[in-house]
Amino acid sequence: SIPWFILYFVVAIVLNTYLLDGVPQFGQAVSGLARKGLIITMFFIGASLSMDVLKQVGMKPLVQGVALWAVISISSLAYILLF
């Protein structure tokens, strides 16, 4: 299979460099989204996940994982800020 995320990342870099030179806020947003997309894709590759596997498993485990991540990160941040 073709790693399309690399092409999307390169397109985001080109857009940010040549087309969005006068709008730095928008360029930063596009760059941030490209980086997050690359991170998520690398996680999926490392975990041997694909869209087919995610569809087969369903949304419930994904929602539970995101909820667990949110609870842990928010509680950790609260602990750090309060203590």
N, C-alpha and C. Protein backbone atom coordinates (compact mmCIF):
# COMPACT_ATOMS: atom_id res chain seq x y z
N SER A 1 0.84 -1.18 0.00
CA SER A 1 0.00 0.00 0.00
C SER A 1 0.88 1.25 0.00
N ILE A 2 0.32 2.31 -0.47
CA ILE A 2 1.06 3.57 -0.59
C ILE A 2 0.84 4.40 0.69
N PRO A 3 1.91 4.89 1.30
CA PRO A 3 1.76 5.73 2.50
C PRO A 3 1.34 7.15 2.12
N TRP A 4 0.05 7.36 1.96
CA TRP A 4 -0.47 8.65 1.49
C TRP A 4 -0.18 9.79 2.45
N PHE A 5 0.00 9.48 3.74
CA PHE A 5 0.24 10.55 4.70
C PHE A 5 1.50 11.34 4.37
N ILE A 6 2.48 10.69 3.76
CA ILE A 6 3.71 11.39 3.39
C ILE A 6 3.40 12.45 2.33
N LEU A 7 2.59 12.10 1.35
CA LEU A 7 2.20 13.06 0.33
C LEU A 7 1.43 14.23 0.94
N TYR A 8 0.51 13.94 1.84
CA TYR A 8 -0.27 15.00 2.49
C TYR A 8 0.64 15.91 3.32
N PHE A 9 1.61 15.32 3.97
CA PHE A 9 2.54 16.11 4.77
C PHE A 9 3.36 17.04 3.88
N VAL A 10 3.83 16.53 2.75
CA VAL A 10 4.61 17.35 1.81
C VAL A 10 3.73 18.47 1.24
N VAL A 11 2.48 18.17 0.91
CA VAL A 11 1.56 19.20 0.40
C VAL A 11 1.37 20.28 1.45
N ALA A 12 1.21 19.90 2.72
CA ALA A 12 1.04 20.89 3.79
C ALA A 12 2.29 21.76 3.91
N ILE A 13 3.46 21.17 3.77
CA ILE A 13 4.71 21.94 3.84
C ILE A 13 4.79 22.94 2.69
N VAL A 14 4.45 22.50 1.48
CA VAL A 14 4.50 23.38 0.31
C VAL A 14 3.49 24.52 0.47
N LEU A 15 2.26 24.19 0.88
CA LEU A 15 1.25 25.22 1.10
C LEU A 15 1.72 26.24 2.12
N ASN A 16 2.27 25.75 3.21
CA ASN A 16 2.72 26.65 4.27
C ASN A 16 3.87 27.53 3.81
N THR A 17 4.76 26.99 3.01
CA THR A 17 5.95 27.74 2.59
C THR A 17 5.64 28.75 1.50
N TYR A 18 4.87 28.36 0.49
CA TYR A 18 4.73 29.22 -0.68
C TYR A 18 3.40 29.97 -0.78
N LEU A 19 2.32 29.41 -0.30
CA LEU A 19 1.02 30.05 -0.47
C LEU A 19 0.55 30.82 0.76
N LEU A 20 1.00 30.44 1.92
CA LEU A 20 0.48 31.05 3.14
C LEU A 20 1.51 31.94 3.82
N ASP A 21 2.41 32.48 3.03
CA ASP A 21 3.48 33.31 3.59
C ASP A 21 2.92 34.57 4.24
N GLY A 22 1.86 35.15 3.70
CA GLY A 22 1.29 36.37 4.24
C GLY A 22 0.28 36.15 5.36
N VAL A 23 -0.07 34.90 5.62
CA VAL A 23 -1.06 34.59 6.66
C VAL A 23 -0.42 33.58 7.63
N PRO A 24 0.43 34.04 8.53
CA PRO A 24 1.18 33.10 9.38
C PRO A 24 0.28 32.27 10.32
N GLN A 25 -0.85 32.83 10.77
CA GLN A 25 -1.73 32.08 11.68
C GLN A 25 -2.32 30.87 10.98
N PHE A 26 -2.76 31.06 9.75
CA PHE A 26 -3.34 29.95 9.00
C PHE A 26 -2.28 28.91 8.65
N GLY A 27 -1.10 29.39 8.33
CA GLY A 27 0.01 28.49 8.04
C GLY A 27 0.38 27.64 9.25
N GLN A 28 0.36 28.26 10.42
CA GLN A 28 0.65 27.51 11.64
C GLN A 28 -0.42 26.47 11.91
N ALA A 29 -1.67 26.80 11.64
CA ALA A 29 -2.77 25.84 11.84
C ALA A 29 -2.63 24.65 10.90
N VAL A 30 -2.33 24.92 9.64
CA VAL A 30 -2.15 23.84 8.66
C VAL A 30 -0.95 22.98 9.06
N SER A 31 0.12 23.61 9.46
CA SER A 31 1.31 22.88 9.88
C SER A 31 1.02 22.02 11.11
N GLY A 32 0.28 22.56 12.05
CA GLY A 32 -0.08 21.80 13.26
C GLY A 32 -0.94 20.60 12.93
N LEU A 33 -1.91 20.79 12.03
CA LEU A 33 -2.76 19.66 11.63
C LEU A 33 -1.96 18.59 10.89
N ALA A 34 -1.03 19.02 10.06
CA ALA A 34 -0.19 18.06 9.34
C ALA A 34 0.67 17.25 10.31
N ARG A 35 1.22 17.91 11.29
CA ARG A 35 2.04 17.20 12.27
C ARG A 35 1.21 16.21 13.09
N LYS A 36 0.02 16.63 13.50
CA LYS A 36 -0.85 15.73 14.27
C LYS A 36 -1.29 14.54 13.42
N GLY A 37 -1.57 14.80 12.16
CA GLY A 37 -1.94 13.70 11.27
C GLY A 37 -0.79 12.71 11.10
N LEU A 38 0.42 13.24 11.00
CA LEU A 38 1.59 12.37 10.88
C LEU A 38 1.80 11.55 12.15
N ILE A 39 1.60 12.15 13.30
CA ILE A 39 1.76 11.44 14.56
C ILE A 39 0.72 10.33 14.68
N ILE A 40 -0.52 10.62 14.35
CA ILE A 40 -1.57 9.61 14.42
C ILE A 40 -1.28 8.47 13.46
N THR A 41 -0.85 8.79 12.26
CA THR A 41 -0.53 7.76 11.27
C THR A 41 0.62 6.89 11.74
N MET A 42 1.65 7.50 12.31
CA MET A 42 2.77 6.71 12.83
C MET A 42 2.33 5.80 13.97
N PHE A 43 1.40 6.28 14.80
CA PHE A 43 0.87 5.43 15.87
C PHE A 43 0.13 4.24 15.27
N PHE A 44 -0.71 4.48 14.26
CA PHE A 44 -1.43 3.38 13.63
C PHE A 44 -0.48 2.37 13.00
N ILE A 45 0.58 2.85 12.38
CA ILE A 45 1.56 1.94 11.78
C ILE A 45 2.26 1.14 12.88
N GLY A 46 2.66 1.80 13.93
CA GLY A 46 3.35 1.12 15.03
C GLY A 46 2.47 0.12 15.75
N ALA A 47 1.19 0.41 15.84
CA ALA A 47 0.26 -0.49 16.51
C ALA A 47 -0.34 -1.51 15.55
N SER A 48 0.10 -1.49 14.30
CA SER A 48 -0.41 -2.39 13.25
C SER A 48 -1.92 -2.25 13.07
N LEU A 49 -2.40 -1.02 13.13
CA LEU A 49 -3.82 -0.74 12.93
C LEU A 49 -4.05 -0.23 11.52
N SER A 50 -5.21 -0.52 11.00
CA SER A 50 -5.61 0.01 9.71
C SER A 50 -7.08 0.41 9.81
N MET A 51 -7.57 1.06 8.77
CA MET A 51 -8.97 1.46 8.77
C MET A 51 -9.88 0.23 8.79
N ASP A 52 -9.48 -0.84 8.14
CA ASP A 52 -10.28 -2.06 8.14
C ASP A 52 -10.39 -2.65 9.54
N VAL A 53 -9.27 -2.66 10.27
CA VAL A 53 -9.28 -3.18 11.64
C VAL A 53 -10.15 -2.31 12.53
N LEU A 54 -10.03 -0.98 12.38
CA LEU A 54 -10.84 -0.08 13.19
C LEU A 54 -12.33 -0.25 12.90
N LYS A 55 -12.69 -0.46 11.63
CA LYS A 55 -14.09 -0.68 11.28
C LYS A 55 -14.59 -1.99 11.83
N GLN A 56 -13.72 -3.01 11.83
CA GLN A 56 -14.11 -4.33 12.32
C GLN A 56 -14.33 -4.30 13.83
N VAL A 57 -13.48 -3.61 14.55
CA VAL A 57 -13.59 -3.55 16.01
C VAL A 57 -14.78 -2.69 16.43
N GLY A 58 -15.00 -1.59 15.73
CA GLY A 58 -16.11 -0.70 16.05
C GLY A 58 -15.65 0.54 16.78
N MET A 59 -16.60 1.40 17.05
CA MET A 59 -16.29 2.70 17.66
C MET A 59 -16.18 2.63 19.18
N LYS A 60 -16.83 1.66 19.80
CA LYS A 60 -16.87 1.63 21.27
C LYS A 60 -15.47 1.57 21.89
N PRO A 61 -14.57 0.66 21.47
CA PRO A 61 -13.23 0.65 22.08
C PRO A 61 -12.45 1.94 21.82
N LEU A 62 -12.63 2.53 20.65
CA LEU A 62 -11.95 3.78 20.34
C LEU A 62 -12.44 4.91 21.24
N VAL A 63 -13.75 4.98 21.43
CA VAL A 63 -14.32 6.01 22.31
C VAL A 63 -13.86 5.79 23.75
N GLN A 64 -13.83 4.53 24.18
CA GLN A 64 -13.37 4.24 25.53
C GLN A 64 -11.90 4.62 25.71
N GLY A 65 -11.08 4.35 24.71
CA GLY A 65 -9.67 4.72 24.78
C GLY A 65 -9.48 6.22 24.85
N VAL A 66 -10.21 6.97 24.04
CA VAL A 66 -10.12 8.43 24.05
C VAL A 66 -10.62 8.98 25.38
N ALA A 67 -11.70 8.41 25.90
CA ALA A 67 -12.23 8.85 27.20
C ALA A 67 -11.23 8.57 28.31
N LEU A 68 -10.61 7.40 28.29
CA LEU A 68 -9.61 7.08 29.30
C LEU A 68 -8.42 8.03 29.21
N TRP A 69 -7.96 8.30 27.98
CA TRP A 69 -6.87 9.24 27.80
C TRP A 69 -7.24 10.62 28.35
N ALA A 70 -8.46 11.07 28.09
CA ALA A 70 -8.91 12.38 28.56
C ALA A 70 -8.95 12.43 30.08
N VAL A 71 -9.49 11.39 30.70
CA VAL A 71 -9.58 11.36 32.17
C VAL A 71 -8.19 11.38 32.79
N ILE A 72 -7.29 10.56 32.27
CA ILE A 72 -5.94 10.50 32.82
C ILE A 72 -5.19 11.81 32.60
N SER A 73 -5.30 12.40 31.42
CA SER A 73 -4.56 13.63 31.15
C SER A 73 -5.12 14.80 31.96
N ILE A 74 -6.43 14.90 32.07
CA ILE A 74 -7.03 16.00 32.84
C ILE A 74 -6.72 15.85 34.32
N SER A 75 -6.82 14.62 34.84
CA SER A 75 -6.52 14.42 36.27
C SER A 75 -5.03 14.66 36.55
N SER A 76 -4.15 14.29 35.63
CA SER A 76 -2.72 14.55 35.82
C SER A 76 -2.44 16.05 35.81
N LEU A 77 -3.06 16.76 34.88
CA LEU A 77 -2.88 18.21 34.81
C LEU A 77 -3.41 18.87 36.08
N ALA A 78 -4.58 18.42 36.54
CA ALA A 78 -5.15 18.99 37.78
C ALA A 78 -4.23 18.74 38.96
N TYR A 79 -3.66 17.55 39.05
CA TYR A 79 -2.74 17.23 40.14
C TYR A 79 -1.50 18.13 40.09
N ILE A 80 -0.96 18.31 38.88
CA ILE A 80 0.23 19.15 38.72
C ILE A 80 -0.06 20.59 39.09
N LEU A 81 -1.21 21.11 38.68
CA LEU A 81 -1.54 22.51 38.94
C LEU A 81 -1.93 22.75 40.39
N LEU A 82 -2.53 21.77 41.04
CA LEU A 82 -3.00 21.96 42.41
C LEU A 82 -1.94 21.64 43.46
N PHE A 83 -1.01 20.79 43.12
CA PHE A 83 -0.01 20.40 44.13
C PHE A 83 1.32 20.82 43.63
